[in-house]
Amino acid sequence: MKVLLVEDDKSAGNYLQKGLLETGYLVDWVQNGADGLHQALTDHYGLIILDIMLPILDGWQVLKAFRAVNTNTPVLLLTARDQVHVGSQLVINFFNK
């Protein structure tokens, strides 16, 4: 399966990419939200691993734009935050698709 990893932290990205590759996944790794959205919309992935705190576009912006076009690909959100506050409308729209 092909995985898109959208993570700006080089240490975390290297760690995740290494683990995924060792497990047999194909991995495309990009380091900002704009590149992540572009990759997600132009290639086919079995899973997207998406950091929330990203440069250019944050993970929520990427997810919202991606879900407007594709509702089938699973997206795993990552964060280093100890709390995540999300607008209720985005969460409702995300889970109702």
C-alpha atoms as a PDB file:
ATOM      1  CA  MET A   1       0.000   0.000   0.000  1.00  0.00           C
ATOM      2  CA  LYS A   2       1.134   3.511  -0.781  1.00  0.00           C
ATOM      3  CA  VAL A   3       1.160   6.002   2.106  1.00  0.00           C
ATOM      4  CA  LEU A   4       1.404   9.783   1.988  1.00  0.00           C
ATOM      5  CA  LEU A   5       3.248  11.189   5.002  1.00  0.00           C
ATOM      6  CA  VAL A   6       2.765  14.933   5.551  1.00  0.00           C
ATOM      7  CA  GLU A   7       5.125  15.897   8.385  1.00  0.00           C
ATOM      8  CA  ASP A   8       7.364  18.952   8.665  1.00  0.00           C
ATOM      9  CA  ASP A   9       9.510  17.722  11.556  1.00  0.00           C
ATOM     10  CA  LYS A  10      12.521  15.978  10.007  1.00  0.00           C
ATOM     11  CA  SER A  11      13.163  13.715  12.999  1.00  0.00           C
ATOM     12  CA  ALA A  12       9.551  12.519  13.216  1.00  0.00           C
ATOM     13  CA  GLY A  13       9.308  12.205   9.438  1.00  0.00           C
ATOM     14  CA  ASN A  14      12.464  10.121   9.194  1.00  0.00           C
ATOM     15  CA  TYR A  15      11.304   7.883  12.038  1.00  0.00           C
ATOM     16  CA  LEU A  16       7.842   7.333  10.552  1.00  0.00           C
ATOM     17  CA  GLN A  17       9.132   6.850   7.013  1.00  0.00           C
ATOM     18  CA  LYS A  18      11.726   4.322   8.180  1.00  0.00           C
ATOM     19  CA  GLY A  19       9.152   2.326  10.133  1.00  0.00           C
ATOM     20  CA  LEU A  20       6.647   2.327   7.294  1.00  0.00           C
ATOM     21  CA  LEU A  21       9.260   1.289   4.734  1.00  0.00           C
ATOM     22  CA  GLU A  22      10.525  -1.510   6.997  1.00  0.00           C
ATOM     23  CA  THR A  23       6.944  -2.765   7.277  1.00  0.00           C
ATOM     24  CA  GLY A  24       6.629  -2.915   3.500  1.00  0.00           C
ATOM     25  CA  TYR A  25       4.721   0.267   2.709  1.00  0.00           C
ATOM     26  CA  LEU A  26       5.593   2.609  -0.135  1.00  0.00           C
ATOM     27  CA  VAL A  27       5.966   6.133   1.285  1.00  0.00           C
ATOM     28  CA  ASP A  28       5.841   9.598  -0.232  1.00  0.00           C
ATOM     29  CA  TRP A  29       6.952  12.175   2.340  1.00  0.00           C
ATOM     30  CA  VAL A  30       6.281  15.905   1.983  1.00  0.00           C
ATOM     31  CA  GLN A  31       7.018  18.595   4.543  1.00  0.00           C
ATOM     32  CA  ASN A  32       4.313  21.246   4.205  1.00  0.00           C
ATOM     33  CA  GLY A  33       0.561  21.403   3.837  1.00  0.00           C
ATOM     34  CA  ALA A  34       0.494  22.798   0.304  1.00  0.00           C
ATOM     35  CA  ASP A  35       2.662  19.967  -1.011  1.00  0.00           C
ATOM     36  CA  GLY A  36       0.624  17.470   0.992  1.00  0.00           C
ATOM     37  CA  LEU A  37      -2.637  18.645  -0.516  1.00  0.00           C
ATOM     38  CA  HIS A  38      -1.149  18.611  -4.012  1.00  0.00           C
ATOM     39  CA  GLN A  39       0.143  15.046  -3.578  1.00  0.00           C
ATOM     40  CA  ALA A  40      -3.120  13.851  -2.028  1.00  0.00           C
ATOM     41  CA  LEU A  41      -5.123  15.223  -4.932  1.00  0.00           C
ATOM     42  CA  THR A  42      -2.825  14.065  -7.745  1.00  0.00           C
ATOM     43  CA  ASP A  43      -1.863  10.548  -6.645  1.00  0.00           C
ATOM     44  CA  HIS A  44      -3.699   7.578  -5.132  1.00  0.00           C
ATOM     45  CA  TYR A  45      -2.900   6.595  -1.543  1.00  0.00           C
ATOM     46  CA  GLY A  46      -4.221   3.860   0.706  1.00  0.00           C
ATOM     47  CA  LEU A  47      -3.556   6.047   3.752  1.00  0.00           C
ATOM     48  CA  ILE A  48      -2.574   9.623   4.493  1.00  0.00           C
ATOM     49  CA  ILE A  49      -0.699  10.422   7.693  1.00  0.00           C
ATOM     50  CA  LEU A  50      -1.202  14.141   8.265  1.00  0.00           C
ATOM     51  CA  ASP A  51       0.420  16.366  10.871  1.00  0.00           C
ATOM     52  CA  ILE A  52      -1.820  19.142  12.182  1.00  0.00           C
ATOM     53  CA  MET A  53       0.813  21.838  12.688  1.00  0.00           C
ATOM     54  CA  LEU A  54       2.305  22.374   9.229  1.00  0.00           C
ATOM     55  CA  PRO A  55       3.726  25.358   7.351  1.00  0.00           C
ATOM     56  CA  ILE A  56       1.814  27.036   4.493  1.00  0.00           C
ATOM     57  CA  LEU A  57      -1.466  25.124   5.066  1.00  0.00           C
ATOM     58  CA  ASP A  58      -2.128  23.475   8.419  1.00  0.00           C
ATOM     59  CA  GLY A  59      -3.420  19.917   8.643  1.00  0.00           C
ATOM     60  CA  TRP A  60      -7.029  21.019   9.182  1.00  0.00           C
ATOM     61  CA  GLN A  61      -6.961  23.127   6.016  1.00  0.00           C
ATOM     62  CA  VAL A  62      -5.467  20.229   4.069  1.00  0.00           C
ATOM     63  CA  LEU A  63      -8.053  17.806   5.432  1.00  0.00           C
ATOM     64  CA  LYS A  64     -10.980  20.115   4.679  1.00  0.00           C
ATOM     65  CA  ALA A  65      -9.844  20.711   1.077  1.00  0.00           C
ATOM     66  CA  PHE A  66      -9.054  17.022   0.549  1.00  0.00           C
ATOM     67  CA  ARG A  67     -12.393  15.828   1.962  1.00  0.00           C
ATOM     68  CA  ALA A  68     -14.236  18.156  -0.399  1.00  0.00           C
ATOM     69  CA  VAL A  69     -12.903  15.969  -3.231  1.00  0.00           C
ATOM     70  CA  ASN A  70     -12.160  12.559  -1.684  1.00  0.00           C
ATOM     71  CA  THR A  71     -14.132  10.983   1.132  1.00  0.00           C
ATOM     72  CA  ASN A  72     -12.773   7.444   0.894  1.00  0.00           C
ATOM     73  CA  THR A  73      -9.063   7.616   1.717  1.00  0.00           C
ATOM     74  CA  PRO A  74      -8.357   7.116   5.431  1.00  0.00           C
ATOM     75  CA  VAL A  75      -6.503  10.004   7.090  1.00  0.00           C
ATOM     76  CA  LEU A  76      -4.580   9.615  10.341  1.00  0.00           C
ATOM     77  CA  LEU A  77      -3.973  12.951  12.087  1.00  0.00           C
ATOM     78  CA  LEU A  78      -0.800  13.526  14.093  1.00  0.00           C
ATOM     79  CA  THR A  79      -0.095  16.242  16.611  1.00  0.00           C
ATOM     80  CA  ALA A  80       2.459  17.133  19.244  1.00  0.00           C
ATOM     81  CA  ARG A  81      -0.145  19.238  21.049  1.00  0.00           C
ATOM     82  CA  ASP A  82      -1.511  18.068  24.370  1.00  0.00           C
ATOM     83  CA  GLN A  83      -4.976  19.384  23.427  1.00  0.00           C
ATOM     84  CA  VAL A  84      -6.630  19.883  20.077  1.00  0.00           C
ATOM     85  CA  HIS A  85      -9.477  22.356  19.656  1.00  0.00           C
ATOM     86  CA  VAL A  86     -11.398  21.903  16.440  1.00  0.00           C
ATOM     87  CA  GLY A  87     -14.396  23.810  15.151  1.00  0.00           C
ATOM     88  CA  SER A  88     -17.415  21.566  15.636  1.00  0.00           C
ATOM     89  CA  GLN A  89     -18.617  22.096  12.056  1.00  0.00           C
ATOM     90  CA  LEU A  90     -15.387  20.663  10.600  1.00  0.00           C
ATOM     91  CA  VAL A  91     -15.620  17.583  12.815  1.00  0.00           C
ATOM     92  CA  ILE A  92     -19.292  17.061  11.978  1.00  0.00           C
ATOM     93  CA  ASN A  93     -18.619  17.442   8.256  1.00  0.00           C
ATOM     94  CA  PHE A  94     -15.638  15.102   8.465  1.00  0.00           C
ATOM     95  CA  PHE A  95     -17.518  12.274  10.151  1.00  0.00           C
ATOM     96  CA  ASN A  96     -20.699  12.652   8.122  1.00  0.00           C
ATOM     97  CA  LYS A  97     -18.981  12.110   4.768  1.00  0.00           C
END
